[in-house]
Amino acid sequence: MKAEEKLLSFTDYCRQHIIDEIDGYEGTTQYACDLGLTLTEAINIDGSATYSNYKAIQYLKEWWNDAADYFQYAKDNFGEVLQNPFDNPEAYMVCMIIEGVRSILSQCQYIDKHWNERIELTPKVIKKILGEIEGKEVVW
């Protein structure tokens, strides 16, 4: 990782992940409630968003409070925390991003309105979703 590289805040990273991934699903039909899982599927399969243990550690240090909040969220909602940030920081980071992306999307009016429905990701729908993620924060 370059010393001058600015690390995004956790919320900004999750918003940027949505922006970077959603166009790749244009023309597909997804359940609105599962869109966050779809957009994070690749990093979940790969087990890394950074492909660098060092960079994942740097992000977790930057996101320390968010990482602690995620830890409590995982315990409360899943009964346990499956990844240990000290043993596998890349996997822990991925778990955080998945839930962060899901949190941001769940706050979008369009997603909420169609929560239990299949939506087609047309250019118009994508533009609407991207407009609605602006200013949204990750809420645990």
N, C-alpha and C. Protein backbone atom coordinates (compact mmCIF):
# COMPACT_ATOMS: atom_id res chain seq x y z
N MET A 1 0.84 -1.17 0.00
CA MET A 1 0.00 0.00 0.00
C MET A 1 0.89 1.24 0.00
N LYS A 2 0.58 2.17 -0.84
CA LYS A 2 1.35 3.40 -0.92
C LYS A 2 1.12 4.24 0.33
N ALA A 3 2.19 4.81 0.84
CA ALA A 3 2.11 5.59 2.07
C ALA A 3 1.13 6.76 1.91
N GLU A 4 1.03 7.35 0.72
CA GLU A 4 0.19 8.52 0.51
C GLU A 4 -1.26 8.16 0.21
N GLU A 5 -1.57 6.89 0.09
CA GLU A 5 -2.94 6.47 -0.21
C GLU A 5 -3.86 6.78 0.95
N LYS A 6 -4.93 7.48 0.67
CA LYS A 6 -5.92 7.85 1.69
C LYS A 6 -6.92 6.72 1.83
N LEU A 7 -7.10 6.27 3.05
CA LEU A 7 -8.07 5.23 3.32
C LEU A 7 -9.44 5.87 3.52
N LEU A 8 -10.43 5.31 2.88
CA LEU A 8 -11.79 5.81 3.01
C LEU A 8 -12.36 5.42 4.37
N SER A 9 -13.28 6.23 4.86
CA SER A 9 -14.02 5.84 6.06
C SER A 9 -14.81 4.58 5.72
N PHE A 10 -15.27 3.87 6.72
CA PHE A 10 -16.00 2.63 6.49
C PHE A 10 -17.26 2.89 5.65
N THR A 11 -18.03 3.88 6.03
CA THR A 11 -19.25 4.19 5.28
C THR A 11 -18.93 4.57 3.84
N ASP A 12 -17.93 5.42 3.64
CA ASP A 12 -17.56 5.82 2.28
C ASP A 12 -17.07 4.62 1.47
N TYR A 13 -16.35 3.72 2.11
CA TYR A 13 -15.87 2.52 1.43
C TYR A 13 -17.06 1.68 0.97
N CYS A 14 -18.04 1.50 1.84
CA CYS A 14 -19.22 0.70 1.49
C CYS A 14 -20.02 1.37 0.37
N ARG A 15 -20.20 2.69 0.45
CA ARG A 15 -20.89 3.41 -0.63
C ARG A 15 -20.14 3.25 -1.95
N GLN A 16 -18.83 3.39 -1.90
CA GLN A 16 -18.02 3.26 -3.11
C GLN A 16 -18.11 1.85 -3.67
N HIS A 17 -18.18 0.85 -2.81
CA HIS A 17 -18.31 -0.53 -3.26
C HIS A 17 -19.61 -0.70 -4.05
N ILE A 18 -20.69 -0.13 -3.55
CA ILE A 18 -21.96 -0.19 -4.27
C ILE A 18 -21.82 0.47 -5.64
N ILE A 19 -21.25 1.65 -5.67
CA ILE A 19 -21.06 2.39 -6.93
C ILE A 19 -20.23 1.58 -7.91
N ASP A 20 -19.16 0.96 -7.42
CA ASP A 20 -18.25 0.20 -8.29
C ASP A 20 -18.89 -1.08 -8.83
N GLU A 21 -19.79 -1.69 -8.08
CA GLU A 21 -20.32 -3.01 -8.44
C GLU A 21 -21.66 -3.00 -9.16
N ILE A 22 -22.52 -2.05 -8.88
CA ILE A 22 -23.92 -2.15 -9.32
C ILE A 22 -24.08 -2.16 -10.84
N ASP A 23 -23.26 -1.40 -11.56
CA ASP A 23 -23.38 -1.38 -13.02
C ASP A 23 -23.14 -2.75 -13.64
N GLY A 24 -22.34 -3.57 -13.00
CA GLY A 24 -22.07 -4.90 -13.52
C GLY A 24 -23.29 -5.81 -13.48
N TYR A 25 -24.32 -5.41 -12.78
CA TYR A 25 -25.55 -6.19 -12.68
C TYR A 25 -26.70 -5.59 -13.48
N GLU A 26 -26.39 -4.56 -14.26
CA GLU A 26 -27.43 -3.95 -15.10
C GLU A 26 -28.07 -5.02 -15.98
N GLY A 27 -29.39 -4.98 -16.05
CA GLY A 27 -30.13 -5.93 -16.86
C GLY A 27 -30.51 -7.21 -16.13
N THR A 28 -30.01 -7.38 -14.91
CA THR A 28 -30.36 -8.58 -14.14
C THR A 28 -31.55 -8.28 -13.24
N THR A 29 -32.16 -9.33 -12.77
CA THR A 29 -33.27 -9.21 -11.83
C THR A 29 -32.82 -9.80 -10.50
N GLN A 30 -33.02 -9.03 -9.45
CA GLN A 30 -32.56 -9.40 -8.11
C GLN A 30 -33.68 -9.15 -7.11
N TYR A 31 -33.71 -9.93 -6.04
CA TYR A 31 -34.57 -9.56 -4.93
C TYR A 31 -33.96 -8.34 -4.26
N ALA A 32 -34.78 -7.33 -4.02
CA ALA A 32 -34.27 -6.09 -3.43
C ALA A 32 -33.58 -6.36 -2.09
N CYS A 33 -34.15 -7.26 -1.29
CA CYS A 33 -33.57 -7.55 0.02
C CYS A 33 -32.20 -8.23 -0.07
N ASP A 34 -31.92 -8.83 -1.21
CA ASP A 34 -30.65 -9.54 -1.39
C ASP A 34 -29.62 -8.77 -2.21
N LEU A 35 -29.94 -7.55 -2.62
CA LEU A 35 -29.03 -6.81 -3.49
C LEU A 35 -27.66 -6.61 -2.84
N GLY A 36 -27.62 -6.32 -1.56
CA GLY A 36 -26.34 -6.14 -0.87
C GLY A 36 -25.48 -7.40 -0.92
N LEU A 37 -26.11 -8.55 -0.77
CA LEU A 37 -25.37 -9.82 -0.86
C LEU A 37 -24.86 -10.05 -2.27
N THR A 38 -25.67 -9.69 -3.25
CA THR A 38 -25.25 -9.83 -4.64
C THR A 38 -24.05 -8.95 -4.95
N LEU A 39 -24.09 -7.71 -4.48
CA LEU A 39 -23.01 -6.76 -4.78
C LEU A 39 -21.71 -7.09 -4.05
N THR A 40 -21.79 -7.91 -3.03
CA THR A 40 -20.58 -8.29 -2.28
C THR A 40 -20.21 -9.75 -2.51
N GLU A 41 -20.88 -10.39 -3.44
CA GLU A 41 -20.65 -11.81 -3.69
C GLU A 41 -19.20 -12.11 -4.07
N ALA A 42 -18.61 -11.30 -4.92
CA ALA A 42 -17.24 -11.57 -5.38
C ALA A 42 -16.23 -11.52 -4.23
N ILE A 43 -16.32 -10.49 -3.39
CA ILE A 43 -15.36 -10.41 -2.28
C ILE A 43 -15.63 -11.50 -1.26
N ASN A 44 -16.89 -11.91 -1.13
CA ASN A 44 -17.23 -12.99 -0.21
C ASN A 44 -16.62 -14.30 -0.70
N ILE A 45 -16.72 -14.55 -1.97
CA ILE A 45 -16.14 -15.78 -2.55
C ILE A 45 -14.62 -15.75 -2.43
N ASP A 46 -14.04 -14.60 -2.76
CA ASP A 46 -12.58 -14.47 -2.73
C ASP A 46 -12.02 -14.41 -1.31
N GLY A 47 -12.83 -13.97 -0.37
CA GLY A 47 -12.37 -13.84 1.01
C GLY A 47 -11.53 -12.61 1.27
N SER A 48 -11.54 -11.68 0.31
CA SER A 48 -10.76 -10.46 0.47
C SER A 48 -11.29 -9.36 -0.43
N ALA A 49 -11.25 -8.14 0.07
CA ALA A 49 -11.58 -6.96 -0.73
C ALA A 49 -10.31 -6.24 -1.17
N THR A 50 -9.22 -6.50 -0.46
CA THR A 50 -7.96 -5.78 -0.72
C THR A 50 -6.91 -6.66 -1.39
N TYR A 51 -7.04 -7.97 -1.22
CA TYR A 51 -6.04 -8.93 -1.71
C TYR A 51 -4.67 -8.62 -1.15
N SER A 52 -4.72 -8.08 0.08
CA SER A 52 -3.49 -7.74 0.80
C SER A 52 -3.79 -7.77 2.29
N ASN A 53 -3.13 -8.65 2.99
CA ASN A 53 -3.31 -8.73 4.44
C ASN A 53 -2.91 -7.41 5.09
N TYR A 54 -1.80 -6.85 4.64
CA TYR A 54 -1.32 -5.58 5.19
C TYR A 54 -2.35 -4.48 5.01
N LYS A 55 -2.91 -4.36 3.80
CA LYS A 55 -3.88 -3.30 3.53
C LYS A 55 -5.16 -3.52 4.35
N ALA A 56 -5.60 -4.76 4.49
CA ALA A 56 -6.78 -5.04 5.31
C ALA A 56 -6.54 -4.60 6.75
N ILE A 57 -5.34 -4.86 7.26
CA ILE A 57 -5.00 -4.43 8.62
C ILE A 57 -5.06 -2.91 8.73
N GLN A 58 -4.55 -2.21 7.72
CA GLN A 58 -4.57 -0.75 7.74
C GLN A 58 -6.01 -0.24 7.77
N TYR A 59 -6.86 -0.85 6.96
CA TYR A 59 -8.27 -0.45 6.97
C TYR A 59 -8.90 -0.73 8.33
N LEU A 60 -8.66 -1.89 8.89
CA LEU A 60 -9.27 -2.21 10.19
C LEU A 60 -8.77 -1.25 11.27
N LYS A 61 -7.52 -0.84 11.19
CA LYS A 61 -7.02 0.15 12.15
C LYS A 61 -7.77 1.47 11.96
N GLU A 62 -7.97 1.86 10.71
CA GLU A 62 -8.71 3.10 10.39
C GLU A 62 -10.17 2.99 10.84
N TRP A 63 -10.72 1.80 10.70
CA TRP A 63 -12.14 1.56 11.02
C TRP A 63 -12.33 0.97 12.43
N TRP A 64 -11.41 1.17 13.33
CA TRP A 64 -11.41 0.48 14.61
C TRP A 64 -12.76 0.53 15.32
N ASN A 65 -13.37 1.70 15.42
CA ASN A 65 -14.67 1.80 16.10
C ASN A 65 -15.75 1.05 15.33
N ASP A 66 -15.72 1.15 14.02
CA ASP A 66 -16.69 0.42 13.20
C ASP A 66 -16.48 -1.09 13.33
N ALA A 67 -15.23 -1.50 13.43
CA ALA A 67 -14.92 -2.93 13.59
C ALA A 67 -15.45 -3.45 14.92
N ALA A 68 -15.35 -2.64 15.97
CA ALA A 68 -15.90 -3.02 17.27
C ALA A 68 -17.42 -3.07 17.20
N ASP A 69 -18.04 -2.10 16.53
CA ASP A 69 -19.50 -2.10 16.37
C ASP A 69 -19.95 -3.32 15.58
N TYR A 70 -19.21 -3.66 14.53
CA TYR A 70 -19.56 -4.85 13.75
C TYR A 70 -19.46 -6.11 14.61
N PHE A 71 -18.43 -6.19 15.42
CA PHE A 71 -18.25 -7.35 16.30
C PHE A 71 -19.49 -7.56 17.17
N GLN A 72 -19.96 -6.48 17.78
CA GLN A 72 -21.16 -6.57 18.63
C GLN A 72 -22.39 -6.90 17.78
N TYR A 73 -22.50 -6.29 16.61
CA TYR A 73 -23.62 -6.56 15.71
C TYR A 73 -23.66 -8.04 15.33
N ALA A 74 -22.52 -8.59 14.99
CA ALA A 74 -22.45 -10.01 14.60
C ALA A 74 -22.85 -10.91 15.77
N LYS A 75 -22.36 -10.62 16.96
CA LYS A 75 -22.73 -11.41 18.14
C LYS A 75 -24.24 -11.34 18.38
N ASP A 76 -24.80 -10.14 18.28
CA ASP A 76 -26.23 -9.95 18.55
C ASP A 76 -27.12 -10.57 17.48
N ASN A 77 -26.68 -10.54 16.23
CA ASN A 77 -27.54 -10.98 15.13
C ASN A 77 -27.26 -12.38 14.62
N PHE A 78 -26.03 -12.85 14.79
CA PHE A 78 -25.66 -14.18 14.29
C PHE A 78 -25.33 -15.15 15.41
N GLY A 79 -25.25 -14.64 16.63
CA GLY A 79 -24.93 -15.48 17.77
C GLY A 79 -23.45 -15.70 17.99
N GLU A 80 -22.66 -15.36 17.01
CA GLU A 80 -21.20 -15.50 17.12
C GLU A 80 -20.53 -14.67 16.03
N VAL A 81 -19.26 -14.47 16.19
CA VAL A 81 -18.47 -13.78 15.17
C VAL A 81 -17.59 -14.84 14.54
N LEU A 82 -17.82 -15.09 13.26
CA LEU A 82 -17.14 -16.20 12.60
C LEU A 82 -15.69 -15.91 12.24
N GLN A 83 -15.36 -14.65 12.05
CA GLN A 83 -14.00 -14.29 11.67
C GLN A 83 -13.33 -13.51 12.78
N ASN A 84 -12.08 -13.80 13.01
CA ASN A 84 -11.28 -13.10 13.99
C ASN A 84 -10.39 -12.11 13.24
N PRO A 85 -10.50 -10.82 13.54
CA PRO A 85 -9.71 -9.84 12.79
C PRO A 85 -8.20 -9.99 12.98
N PHE A 86 -7.79 -10.67 14.05
CA PHE A 86 -6.37 -10.86 14.30
C PHE A 86 -5.84 -12.08 13.55
N ASP A 87 -6.69 -13.07 13.36
CA ASP A 87 -6.29 -14.27 12.60
C ASP A 87 -6.43 -14.08 11.10
N ASN A 88 -7.49 -13.39 10.68
CA ASN A 88 -7.75 -13.22 9.26
C ASN A 88 -8.41 -11.85 9.01
N PRO A 89 -7.59 -10.80 8.99
CA PRO A 89 -8.15 -9.46 8.83
C PRO A 89 -8.89 -9.27 7.50
N GLU A 90 -8.44 -9.95 6.45
CA GLU A 90 -9.12 -9.80 5.16
C GLU A 90 -10.54 -10.33 5.24
N ALA A 91 -10.74 -11.48 5.84
CA ALA A 91 -12.08 -12.06 5.95
C ALA A 91 -12.97 -11.21 6.87
N TYR A 92 -12.41 -10.71 7.95
CA TYR A 92 -13.18 -9.86 8.86
C TYR A 92 -13.64 -8.60 8.13
N MET A 93 -12.75 -8.02 7.35
CA MET A 93 -13.07 -6.83 6.57
C MET A 93 -14.20 -7.13 5.60
N VAL A 94 -14.15 -8.27 4.93
CA VAL A 94 -15.20 -8.66 3.99
C VAL A 94 -16.54 -8.75 4.72
N CYS A 95 -16.56 -9.39 5.87
CA CYS A 95 -17.81 -9.51 6.64
C CYS A 95 -18.36 -8.13 6.99
N MET A 96 -17.49 -7.22 7.37
CA MET A 96 -17.92 -5.86 7.68
C MET A 96 -18.52 -5.19 6.46
N ILE A 97 -17.86 -5.32 5.31
CA ILE A 97 -18.33 -4.67 4.08
C ILE A 97 -19.69 -5.23 3.67
N ILE A 98 -19.85 -6.54 3.75
CA ILE A 98 -21.14 -7.14 3.39
C ILE A 98 -22.26 -6.50 4.20
N GLU A 99 -22.09 -6.44 5.50
CA GLU A 99 -23.14 -5.89 6.35
C GLU A 99 -23.27 -4.38 6.20
N GLY A 100 -22.16 -3.69 5.94
CA GLY A 100 -22.22 -2.25 5.70
C GLY A 100 -22.97 -1.91 4.42
N VAL A 101 -22.71 -2.64 3.36
CA VAL A 101 -23.42 -2.45 2.09
C VAL A 101 -24.90 -2.75 2.28
N ARG A 102 -25.21 -3.83 2.97
CA ARG A 102 -26.61 -4.18 3.22
C ARG A 102 -27.30 -3.08 4.03
N SER A 103 -26.61 -2.53 5.02
CA SER A 103 -27.19 -1.47 5.85
C SER A 103 -27.52 -0.23 5.01
N ILE A 104 -26.59 0.19 4.19
CA ILE A 104 -26.80 1.38 3.36
C ILE A 104 -27.97 1.15 2.39
N LEU A 105 -27.98 0.01 1.72
CA LEU A 105 -29.05 -0.26 0.75
C LEU A 105 -30.41 -0.35 1.44
N SER A 106 -30.46 -0.91 2.64
CA SER A 106 -31.74 -1.06 3.33
C SER A 106 -32.37 0.28 3.69
N GLN A 107 -31.57 1.33 3.70
CA GLN A 107 -32.07 2.67 4.01
C GLN A 107 -32.59 3.40 2.78
N CYS A 108 -32.39 2.82 1.60
CA CYS A 108 -32.86 3.44 0.36
C CYS A 108 -34.36 3.23 0.22
N GLN A 109 -35.06 4.29 -0.10
CA GLN A 109 -36.51 4.23 -0.23
C GLN A 109 -36.93 3.22 -1.30
N TYR A 110 -36.24 3.20 -2.43
CA TYR A 110 -36.60 2.28 -3.50
C TYR A 110 -36.44 0.83 -3.06
N ILE A 111 -35.34 0.52 -2.41
CA ILE A 111 -35.10 -0.84 -1.93
C ILE A 111 -36.13 -1.20 -0.87
N ASP A 112 -36.38 -0.31 0.07
CA ASP A 112 -37.35 -0.56 1.13
C ASP A 112 -38.74 -0.82 0.55
N LYS A 113 -39.14 -0.02 -0.41
CA LYS A 113 -40.47 -0.15 -1.03
C LYS A 113 -40.63 -1.51 -1.71
N HIS A 114 -39.56 -2.03 -2.29
CA HIS A 114 -39.60 -3.27 -3.06
C HIS A 114 -38.90 -4.42 -2.34
N TRP A 115 -38.75 -4.32 -1.02
CA TRP A 115 -37.94 -5.24 -0.22
C TRP A 115 -38.17 -6.72 -0.54
N ASN A 116 -39.39 -7.15 -0.63
CA ASN A 116 -39.71 -8.56 -0.85
C ASN A 116 -40.03 -8.87 -2.31
N GLU A 117 -39.59 -8.00 -3.20
CA GLU A 117 -39.89 -8.16 -4.62
C GLU A 117 -38.61 -8.31 -5.43
N ARG A 118 -38.78 -8.87 -6.61
CA ARG A 118 -37.69 -8.91 -7.57
C ARG A 118 -37.70 -7.60 -8.34
N ILE A 119 -36.53 -7.00 -8.46
CA ILE A 119 -36.41 -5.74 -9.20
C ILE A 119 -35.45 -5.95 -10.36
N GLU A 120 -35.76 -5.32 -11.47
CA GLU A 120 -34.84 -5.35 -12.61
C GLU A 120 -33.91 -4.15 -12.49
N LEU A 121 -32.63 -4.41 -12.56
CA LEU A 121 -31.65 -3.34 -12.45
C LEU A 121 -31.45 -2.67 -13.80
N THR A 122 -32.41 -1.84 -14.15
CA THR A 122 -32.33 -1.04 -15.37
C THR A 122 -31.43 0.16 -15.09
N PRO A 123 -30.97 0.85 -16.12
CA PRO A 123 -30.18 2.06 -15.87
C PRO A 123 -30.92 3.07 -14.99
N LYS A 124 -32.23 3.19 -15.18
CA LYS A 124 -33.03 4.13 -14.38
C LYS A 124 -33.06 3.71 -12.90
N VAL A 125 -33.26 2.43 -12.64
CA VAL A 125 -33.30 1.93 -11.26
C VAL A 125 -31.93 2.08 -10.61
N ILE A 126 -30.88 1.74 -11.35
CA ILE A 126 -29.52 1.89 -10.81
C ILE A 126 -29.25 3.35 -10.45
N LYS A 127 -29.63 4.26 -11.33
CA LYS A 127 -29.42 5.69 -11.07
C LYS A 127 -30.20 6.12 -9.82
N LYS A 128 -31.42 5.62 -9.67
CA LYS A 128 -32.23 5.95 -8.50
C LYS A 128 -31.56 5.44 -7.22
N ILE A 129 -31.11 4.19 -7.23
CA ILE A 129 -30.45 3.62 -6.05
C ILE A 129 -29.19 4.40 -5.72
N LEU A 130 -28.38 4.69 -6.72
CA LEU A 130 -27.14 5.43 -6.48
C LEU A 130 -27.43 6.82 -5.92
N GLY A 131 -28.49 7.45 -6.39
CA GLY A 131 -28.87 8.74 -5.84
C GLY A 131 -29.30 8.65 -4.38
N GLU A 132 -29.93 7.54 -4.03
CA GLU A 132 -30.42 7.37 -2.67
C GLU A 132 -29.35 6.94 -1.67
N ILE A 133 -28.23 6.42 -2.13
CA ILE A 133 -27.18 6.04 -1.16
C ILE A 133 -26.37 7.25 -0.71
N GLU A 134 -26.46 8.32 -1.45
CA GLU A 134 -25.73 9.55 -1.10
C GLU A 134 -26.13 10.00 0.29
N GLY A 135 -25.17 10.19 1.15
CA GLY A 135 -25.44 10.68 2.49
C GLY A 135 -25.89 9.62 3.49
N LYS A 136 -26.10 8.38 3.04
CA LYS A 136 -26.49 7.31 3.96
C LYS A 136 -25.28 6.84 4.74
N GLU A 137 -25.50 6.52 5.99
CA GLU A 137 -24.45 6.03 6.88
C GLU A 137 -24.73 4.57 7.24
N VAL A 138 -23.70 3.82 7.53
CA VAL A 138 -23.88 2.47 8.01
C VAL A 138 -24.49 2.55 9.40
N VAL A 139 -25.57 1.81 9.59
CA VAL A 139 -26.26 1.78 10.89
C VAL A 139 -26.22 0.33 11.36
N TRP A 140 -25.66 0.13 12.54
CA TRP A 140 -25.60 -1.23 13.08
C TRP A 140 -26.83 -1.48 13.87
